[in-house]
Amino acid sequence: MAGARKFATPYITRDDIAALTPEASRVSGIPQVSEVDREEVDHILGEREREEVERILQAR
């Protein structure tokens, strides 16, 4: 909650949280942390640059 700068639960929405496991994501319908990050990266860099970064990381 503190990371979202929302210090009381009434102010937290589903957009403020992320599931840590695939099972939690499947049951709750809340995206996993990796999916949330991917959307933000795509927004910042665009799809083409994200694919290049993933290719580089996989090569390590």
N, C-alpha and C. Protein backbone atom coordinates (compact mmCIF):
# COMPACT_ATOMS: atom_id res chain seq x y z
N MET A 1 0.82 -1.19 0.00
CA MET A 1 0.00 0.00 0.00
C MET A 1 0.86 1.25 0.00
N ALA A 2 1.95 1.22 0.74
CA ALA A 2 2.79 2.41 0.81
C ALA A 2 3.44 2.71 -0.54
N GLY A 3 3.79 1.66 -1.29
CA GLY A 3 4.39 1.87 -2.60
C GLY A 3 3.43 2.56 -3.56
N ALA A 4 2.15 2.34 -3.37
CA ALA A 4 1.14 2.96 -4.22
C ALA A 4 0.73 4.33 -3.69
N ARG A 5 1.30 4.72 -2.54
CA ARG A 5 0.97 5.99 -1.89
C ARG A 5 -0.51 6.04 -1.51
N LYS A 6 -1.04 4.88 -1.18
CA LYS A 6 -2.42 4.79 -0.71
C LYS A 6 -2.36 4.10 0.64
N PHE A 7 -2.61 4.84 1.68
CA PHE A 7 -2.35 4.35 3.03
C PHE A 7 -3.58 3.80 3.74
N ALA A 8 -4.68 3.67 3.05
CA ALA A 8 -5.88 3.07 3.63
C ALA A 8 -6.53 2.19 2.56
N THR A 9 -7.03 1.05 2.98
CA THR A 9 -7.57 0.08 2.02
C THR A 9 -8.74 0.60 1.18
N PRO A 10 -9.57 1.53 1.65
CA PRO A 10 -10.66 1.99 0.79
C PRO A 10 -10.17 2.65 -0.51
N TYR A 11 -8.93 3.10 -0.52
CA TYR A 11 -8.40 3.81 -1.69
C TYR A 11 -7.70 2.88 -2.69
N ILE A 12 -7.50 1.63 -2.32
CA ILE A 12 -6.80 0.70 -3.19
C ILE A 12 -7.80 0.04 -4.14
N THR A 13 -7.44 0.01 -5.42
CA THR A 13 -8.28 -0.65 -6.42
C THR A 13 -7.53 -1.84 -7.00
N ARG A 14 -8.19 -2.62 -7.83
CA ARG A 14 -7.57 -3.78 -8.46
C ARG A 14 -6.40 -3.36 -9.35
N ASP A 15 -6.41 -2.12 -9.82
CA ASP A 15 -5.30 -1.63 -10.66
C ASP A 15 -4.03 -1.39 -9.85
N ASP A 16 -4.15 -1.33 -8.53
CA ASP A 16 -3.01 -1.07 -7.67
C ASP A 16 -2.29 -2.32 -7.21
N ILE A 17 -2.86 -3.48 -7.49
CA ILE A 17 -2.28 -4.73 -6.99
C ILE A 17 -1.95 -5.66 -8.15
N ALA A 18 -1.10 -6.65 -7.86
CA ALA A 18 -0.72 -7.64 -8.87
C ALA A 18 -0.58 -8.99 -8.17
N ALA A 19 -0.89 -10.05 -8.89
CA ALA A 19 -0.75 -11.40 -8.36
C ALA A 19 0.71 -11.83 -8.47
N LEU A 20 1.18 -12.57 -7.48
CA LEU A 20 2.57 -13.01 -7.48
C LEU A 20 2.76 -14.37 -8.13
N THR A 21 1.69 -15.15 -8.25
CA THR A 21 1.80 -16.49 -8.83
C THR A 21 0.78 -16.65 -9.95
N PRO A 22 1.05 -17.58 -10.87
CA PRO A 22 0.07 -17.84 -11.94
C PRO A 22 -1.28 -18.31 -11.38
N GLU A 23 -1.24 -19.11 -10.31
CA GLU A 23 -2.48 -19.59 -9.72
C GLU A 23 -3.32 -18.45 -9.15
N ALA A 24 -2.67 -17.54 -8.46
CA ALA A 24 -3.39 -16.39 -7.89
C ALA A 24 -3.97 -15.53 -9.00
N SER A 25 -3.25 -15.38 -10.09
CA SER A 25 -3.74 -14.61 -11.22
C SER A 25 -4.95 -15.28 -11.85
N ARG A 26 -4.88 -16.58 -12.01
CA ARG A 26 -5.98 -17.33 -12.62
C ARG A 26 -7.23 -17.25 -11.77
N VAL A 27 -7.09 -17.43 -10.46
CA VAL A 27 -8.24 -17.44 -9.56
C VAL A 27 -8.85 -16.06 -9.40
N SER A 28 -8.02 -15.04 -9.28
CA SER A 28 -8.50 -13.69 -8.98
C SER A 28 -8.82 -12.85 -10.22
N GLY A 29 -8.19 -13.20 -11.34
CA GLY A 29 -8.36 -12.36 -12.52
C GLY A 29 -7.47 -11.13 -12.50
N ILE A 30 -6.58 -11.07 -11.51
CA ILE A 30 -5.65 -9.95 -11.39
C ILE A 30 -4.37 -10.34 -12.13
N PRO A 31 -3.81 -9.48 -12.97
CA PRO A 31 -2.61 -9.83 -13.73
C PRO A 31 -1.40 -10.06 -12.83
N GLN A 32 -0.51 -10.91 -13.29
CA GLN A 32 0.73 -11.15 -12.56
C GLN A 32 1.65 -9.94 -12.65
N VAL A 33 2.59 -9.86 -11.73
CA VAL A 33 3.54 -8.76 -11.69
C VAL A 33 4.26 -8.64 -13.03
N SER A 34 4.67 -9.77 -13.60
CA SER A 34 5.39 -9.74 -14.87
C SER A 34 4.53 -9.19 -16.00
N GLU A 35 3.24 -9.42 -15.97
CA GLU A 35 2.35 -8.89 -17.00
C GLU A 35 2.17 -7.39 -16.83
N VAL A 36 2.07 -6.94 -15.60
CA VAL A 36 1.93 -5.50 -15.34
C VAL A 36 3.17 -4.77 -15.82
N ASP A 37 4.35 -5.30 -15.49
CA ASP A 37 5.60 -4.69 -15.93
C ASP A 37 5.71 -4.67 -17.44
N ARG A 38 5.30 -5.75 -18.09
CA ARG A 38 5.40 -5.83 -19.55
C ARG A 38 4.57 -4.73 -20.19
N GLU A 39 3.37 -4.48 -19.68
CA GLU A 39 2.54 -3.42 -20.24
C GLU A 39 3.20 -2.06 -20.08
N GLU A 40 3.83 -1.83 -18.94
CA GLU A 40 4.50 -0.55 -18.71
C GLU A 40 5.71 -0.40 -19.62
N VAL A 41 6.48 -1.46 -19.79
CA VAL A 41 7.64 -1.43 -20.67
C VAL A 41 7.20 -1.17 -22.11
N ASP A 42 6.15 -1.86 -22.55
CA ASP A 42 5.64 -1.63 -23.90
C ASP A 42 5.21 -0.18 -24.09
N HIS A 43 4.61 0.37 -23.06
CA HIS A 43 4.15 1.76 -23.15
C HIS A 43 5.35 2.71 -23.27
N ILE A 44 6.39 2.44 -22.50
CA ILE A 44 7.56 3.32 -22.50
C ILE A 44 8.42 3.12 -23.75
N LEU A 45 8.74 1.87 -24.05
CA LEU A 45 9.68 1.58 -25.14
C LEU A 45 9.02 1.22 -26.46
N GLY A 46 7.85 0.68 -26.38
CA GLY A 46 7.22 0.17 -27.57
C GLY A 46 7.53 -1.32 -27.73
N GLU A 47 6.71 -2.01 -28.46
CA GLU A 47 6.81 -3.46 -28.62
C GLU A 47 8.15 -3.88 -29.21
N ARG A 48 8.64 -3.18 -30.19
CA ARG A 48 9.88 -3.57 -30.88
C ARG A 48 11.08 -3.57 -29.94
N GLU A 49 11.22 -2.52 -29.13
CA GLU A 49 12.34 -2.43 -28.22
C GLU A 49 12.25 -3.48 -27.12
N ARG A 50 11.03 -3.78 -26.62
CA ARG A 50 10.86 -4.79 -25.59
C ARG A 50 11.29 -6.15 -26.11
N GLU A 51 10.94 -6.48 -27.34
CA GLU A 51 11.35 -7.75 -27.93
C GLU A 51 12.87 -7.85 -28.00
N GLU A 52 13.53 -6.75 -28.33
CA GLU A 52 15.00 -6.74 -28.40
C GLU A 52 15.60 -6.95 -27.02
N VAL A 53 15.05 -6.30 -26.00
CA VAL A 53 15.54 -6.47 -24.63
C VAL A 53 15.35 -7.92 -24.19
N GLU A 54 14.20 -8.51 -24.47
CA GLU A 54 13.96 -9.91 -24.11
C GLU A 54 14.95 -10.84 -24.81
N ARG A 55 15.25 -10.57 -26.07
CA ARG A 55 16.19 -11.38 -26.81
C ARG A 55 17.58 -11.31 -26.17
N ILE A 56 17.99 -10.13 -25.78
CA ILE A 56 19.29 -9.95 -25.14
C ILE A 56 19.34 -10.68 -23.80
N LEU A 57 18.28 -10.56 -23.00
CA LEU A 57 18.25 -11.21 -21.70
C LEU A 57 18.24 -12.72 -21.83
N GLN A 58 17.59 -13.26 -22.81
CA GLN A 58 17.56 -14.71 -23.02
C GLN A 58 18.92 -15.24 -23.46
N ALA A 59 19.70 -14.40 -24.10
CA ALA A 59 21.01 -14.82 -24.59
C ALA A 59 22.02 -14.95 -23.46
N ARG A 60 21.74 -14.39 -22.31
CA ARG A 60 22.68 -14.43 -21.19
C ARG A 60 22.79 -15.78 -20.59
